[in-house]
Amino acid sequence: MFTGLVRSLGTAQLISSSQVRVTCPKLQPQLACGDSVAVDGLCLTVVEILPDGFLADVSPETLRRSTWGCGSPGPRPVNLEPALRVGDKLGGHFVSGHIDGVGHLCEQAATGNAWELSFEVPASIGRYIVPKGSVAVNGVSLTIAEIRQGGCWFKVAVIPHTYRQTNLSLLQVGDPVNVEADLLGKYVEKFLGLAPPESSLSLEFLAEHGYV
């Protein structure tokens, strides 16, 4: 589990069809084999510690659903966050590191005190995008400022600190990004799908099934 608050920038490169090398000198001293690290929003497990980073295995599913399946295998700048520890501050939102798919940057503009970035995502992701909801883009926790097309287009405002400290500042229009929608929306959708079709959702129904 992660928070979407990036701790460090590094570089990553696919060194085979099933393994990625991550270079992160600042983060490396904190890591051990078996640790989970969010790499551009992807939850990867450290399988070998290197002098300047680590190796992690990647599955075909990870490659298919992520930006690793788009274009060059690297090296590329990546956002890094170690897994949340008990007692750590939760300053973003709960991020699982299991991304839903790839979106694309379609607009960016500097405003008085932030950068506004707009993204397009497939309908399979857009249905979970809601105004003022949470989304993780390349592992960065962001708040939805505006939506269109039922959520398939959304805008976020990025404060200068986050913009400077993450690879969001390196994006160009058209670039792919890893997107993870808020986990809560997925559970709500599944719960509603399991509700008896002849009944309407009510506080009593929610209480009966342990949701309130």
Protein backbone atom coordinates (compact mmCIF):
# COMPACT_ATOMS: atom_id res chain seq x y z
CA MET A 1 0.00 0.00 0.00
CA PHE A 2 1.21 3.49 -0.89
CA THR A 3 0.08 7.10 -0.45
CA GLY A 4 0.91 8.63 -3.83
CA LEU A 5 3.47 10.96 -2.24
CA VAL A 6 6.64 10.49 -4.28
CA ARG A 7 9.79 10.19 -2.20
CA SER A 8 12.43 10.20 -4.92
CA LEU A 9 13.09 10.32 -8.64
CA GLY A 10 15.09 7.56 -10.28
CA THR A 11 15.58 5.92 -13.65
CA ALA A 12 14.29 2.55 -14.78
CA GLN A 13 15.02 0.32 -17.74
CA LEU A 14 13.72 -3.03 -18.91
CA ILE A 15 16.75 -5.32 -19.07
CA SER A 16 14.72 -8.31 -20.25
CA SER A 17 11.11 -9.19 -21.02
CA SER A 18 10.56 -9.95 -17.34
CA GLN A 19 12.89 -7.75 -15.30
CA VAL A 20 13.49 -4.06 -14.74
CA ARG A 21 16.53 -2.31 -13.30
CA VAL A 22 15.82 0.77 -11.18
CA THR A 23 18.59 3.23 -10.38
CA CYS A 24 17.87 5.20 -7.19
CA PRO A 25 21.00 6.04 -5.12
CA LYS A 26 19.03 8.09 -2.56
CA LEU A 27 16.42 5.41 -1.90
CA GLN A 28 18.67 2.34 -2.17
CA PRO A 29 20.01 2.42 1.44
CA GLN A 30 16.44 2.08 2.77
CA LEU A 31 15.61 -1.04 0.73
CA ALA A 32 15.90 -4.77 1.30
CA CYS A 33 15.01 -7.79 -0.81
CA GLY A 34 11.28 -8.42 -0.66
CA ASP A 35 10.35 -4.77 -0.16
CA SER A 36 7.61 -3.23 -2.27
CA VAL A 37 8.33 -0.03 -4.19
CA ALA A 38 5.95 1.97 -6.38
CA VAL A 39 7.76 2.70 -9.65
CA ASP A 40 5.73 5.22 -11.65
CA GLY A 41 2.71 3.87 -9.80
CA LEU A 42 3.50 0.18 -10.35
CA CYS A 43 3.95 -1.93 -7.21
CA LEU A 44 7.17 -3.88 -7.78
CA THR A 45 9.02 -6.23 -5.45
CA VAL A 46 12.75 -5.82 -4.89
CA VAL A 47 14.41 -9.11 -5.88
CA GLU A 48 18.04 -7.98 -5.80
CA ILE A 49 19.81 -5.01 -4.26
CA LEU A 50 22.34 -3.26 -6.51
CA PRO A 51 24.99 -0.70 -5.50
CA ASP A 52 22.87 2.12 -6.92
CA GLY A 53 19.36 0.63 -6.94
CA PHE A 54 17.55 -2.67 -7.34
CA LEU A 55 16.15 -5.26 -9.71
CA ALA A 56 12.45 -6.15 -9.87
CA ASP A 57 10.49 -8.72 -11.81
CA VAL A 58 7.62 -7.65 -14.06
CA SER A 59 4.81 -9.82 -15.38
CA PRO A 60 3.28 -9.79 -18.87
CA GLU A 61 0.15 -8.27 -17.29
CA THR A 62 2.22 -5.39 -15.89
CA LEU A 63 3.79 -4.74 -19.28
CA ARG A 64 0.42 -4.91 -21.03
CA ARG A 65 -1.36 -2.50 -18.70
CA SER A 66 1.40 0.04 -18.17
CA THR A 67 3.55 2.54 -20.03
CA TRP A 68 6.21 -0.16 -20.25
CA GLY A 69 4.16 -1.55 -23.11
CA CYS A 70 4.38 1.82 -24.91
CA GLY A 71 7.47 2.74 -26.88
CA SER A 72 11.05 2.43 -25.68
CA PRO A 73 12.02 0.07 -22.82
CA GLY A 74 14.04 2.89 -21.22
CA PRO A 75 15.97 4.20 -19.49
CA ARG A 76 13.31 6.61 -18.32
CA PRO A 77 12.81 8.88 -15.28
CA VAL A 78 10.43 7.31 -12.77
CA ASN A 79 8.66 8.38 -9.59
CA LEU A 80 9.52 6.22 -6.58
CA GLU A 81 7.74 5.59 -3.30
CA PRO A 82 8.52 2.84 -0.76
CA ALA A 83 5.58 0.99 0.75
CA LEU A 84 3.63 2.63 3.57
CA ARG A 85 4.76 1.54 7.02
CA VAL A 86 2.61 1.32 10.14
CA GLY A 87 2.73 4.74 11.79
CA ASP A 88 3.68 6.64 8.63
CA LYS A 89 1.76 9.79 7.78
CA LEU A 90 -0.97 9.35 5.19
CA GLY A 91 -0.82 12.62 3.30
CA GLY A 92 -2.16 11.51 -0.09
CA HIS A 93 -4.73 8.74 -0.56
CA PHE A 94 -4.59 4.95 -0.44
CA VAL A 95 -2.80 3.78 -3.60
CA SER A 96 -2.49 0.05 -4.24
CA GLY A 97 0.14 0.18 -6.96
CA HIS A 98 -2.11 -1.92 -9.20
CA ILE A 99 -2.73 0.47 -12.06
CA ASP A 100 -5.86 0.34 -14.18
CA GLY A 101 -4.30 1.28 -17.49
CA VAL A 102 -2.62 3.95 -19.56
CA GLY A 103 -3.80 7.49 -20.15
CA HIS A 104 -2.26 10.32 -22.16
CA LEU A 105 -1.44 13.94 -21.42
CA CYS A 106 -3.56 16.13 -23.67
CA GLU A 107 -3.00 19.63 -22.25
CA GLN A 108 -0.73 21.45 -19.81
CA ALA A 109 -0.58 25.06 -18.72
CA ALA A 110 1.05 27.11 -15.97
CA THR A 111 -1.33 29.09 -13.77
CA GLY A 112 -0.65 31.63 -11.03
CA ASN A 113 0.25 29.08 -8.36
CA ALA A 114 0.09 25.67 -10.03
CA TRP A 115 0.34 23.66 -13.21
CA GLU A 116 -2.88 22.41 -14.76
CA LEU A 117 -2.58 19.06 -16.53
CA SER A 118 -5.35 17.37 -18.49
CA PHE A 119 -5.43 13.68 -19.33
CA GLU A 120 -7.52 11.36 -21.47
CA VAL A 121 -8.16 7.81 -20.27
CA PRO A 122 -10.15 4.81 -21.56
CA ALA A 123 -13.77 4.42 -20.49
CA SER A 124 -12.71 1.49 -18.28
CA ILE A 125 -10.90 4.06 -16.11
CA GLY A 126 -13.08 7.09 -16.75
CA ARG A 127 -16.09 5.58 -14.99
CA TYR A 128 -14.21 5.84 -11.68
CA ILE A 129 -13.17 9.48 -12.17
CA VAL A 130 -15.35 11.90 -10.18
CA PRO A 131 -15.04 15.63 -9.37
CA LYS A 132 -12.85 16.21 -6.30
CA GLY A 133 -12.03 12.51 -6.23
CA SER A 134 -8.54 11.04 -6.07
CA VAL A 135 -6.42 9.59 -8.86
CA ALA A 136 -2.81 8.45 -9.10
CA VAL A 137 -0.93 9.48 -12.26
CA ASN A 138 2.53 7.90 -12.55
CA GLY A 139 2.14 7.15 -8.85
CA VAL A 140 1.41 10.77 -7.86
CA SER A 141 -1.68 11.36 -5.71
CA LEU A 142 -3.79 14.08 -7.36
CA THR A 143 -7.26 15.57 -6.89
CA ILE A 144 -9.65 15.80 -9.82
CA ALA A 145 -10.45 19.44 -10.58
CA GLU A 146 -12.68 18.99 -13.64
CA ILE A 147 -14.09 16.15 -15.72
CA ARG A 148 -15.63 15.80 -19.16
CA GLN A 149 -16.80 12.92 -21.33
CA GLY A 150 -18.01 11.00 -18.30
CA GLY A 151 -14.56 11.05 -16.73
CA CYS A 152 -12.60 10.03 -19.82
CA TRP A 153 -11.09 13.54 -19.79
CA PHE A 154 -10.02 15.09 -16.52
CA LYS A 155 -7.95 17.99 -15.25
CA VAL A 156 -5.75 18.20 -12.16
CA ALA A 157 -3.89 21.08 -10.55
CA VAL A 158 -0.32 20.30 -9.52
CA ILE A 159 1.41 22.49 -6.94
CA PRO A 160 4.96 23.69 -7.79
CA HIS A 161 6.63 21.38 -5.23
CA THR A 162 4.99 18.26 -6.65
CA TYR A 163 5.62 19.41 -10.22
CA ARG A 164 9.34 19.92 -9.56
CA GLN A 165 9.87 16.75 -7.54
CA THR A 166 8.19 14.31 -9.94
CA ASN A 167 8.40 13.35 -13.59
CA LEU A 168 5.12 15.16 -14.26
CA SER A 169 7.32 18.15 -15.12
CA LEU A 170 8.92 16.14 -17.93
CA LEU A 171 5.70 15.14 -19.68
CA GLN A 172 4.96 16.32 -23.19
CA VAL A 173 1.52 16.40 -24.81
CA GLY A 174 0.72 12.90 -26.02
CA ASP A 175 2.97 11.11 -23.53
CA PRO A 176 1.51 7.99 -21.89
CA VAL A 177 1.04 7.81 -18.12
CA ASN A 178 0.11 5.07 -15.66
CA VAL A 179 -3.29 5.72 -14.09
CA GLU A 180 -4.82 4.17 -10.97
CA ALA A 181 -8.34 5.25 -10.03
CA ASP A 182 -9.45 5.46 -6.42
CA LEU A 183 -9.83 1.96 -4.97
CA LEU A 184 -13.03 2.96 -3.15
CA GLY A 185 -14.93 3.44 -6.39
CA LYS A 186 -14.13 -0.09 -7.52
CA TYR A 187 -15.45 -1.61 -4.31
CA VAL A 188 -18.61 0.50 -4.48
CA GLU A 189 -19.19 -0.65 -8.07
CA LYS A 190 -18.78 -4.30 -7.14
CA PHE A 191 -20.97 -3.92 -4.09
CA LEU A 192 -23.74 -2.33 -6.12
CA GLY A 193 -23.42 -5.11 -8.67
CA LEU A 194 -23.97 -7.69 -5.94
CA ALA A 195 -27.00 -5.93 -4.46
CA PRO A 196 -30.35 -7.69 -5.06
CA PRO A 197 -31.77 -6.22 -8.30
CA GLU A 198 -35.25 -5.88 -6.83
CA SER A 199 -34.08 -3.69 -3.95
CA SER A 200 -32.86 -0.12 -3.80
CA LEU A 201 -29.69 0.88 -1.96
CA SER A 202 -30.50 2.16 1.54
CA LEU A 203 -28.80 2.81 4.85
CA GLU A 204 -30.41 -0.35 6.20
CA PHE A 205 -29.02 -2.43 3.35
CA LEU A 206 -25.53 -0.93 3.82
CA ALA A 207 -25.66 -1.56 7.59
CA GLU A 208 -26.78 -5.14 7.10
CA HIS A 209 -23.74 -5.84 4.94
CA GLY A 210 -21.26 -4.10 7.20
CA TYR A 211 -20.59 -0.94 5.17
CA VAL A 212 -21.88 1.58 7.75
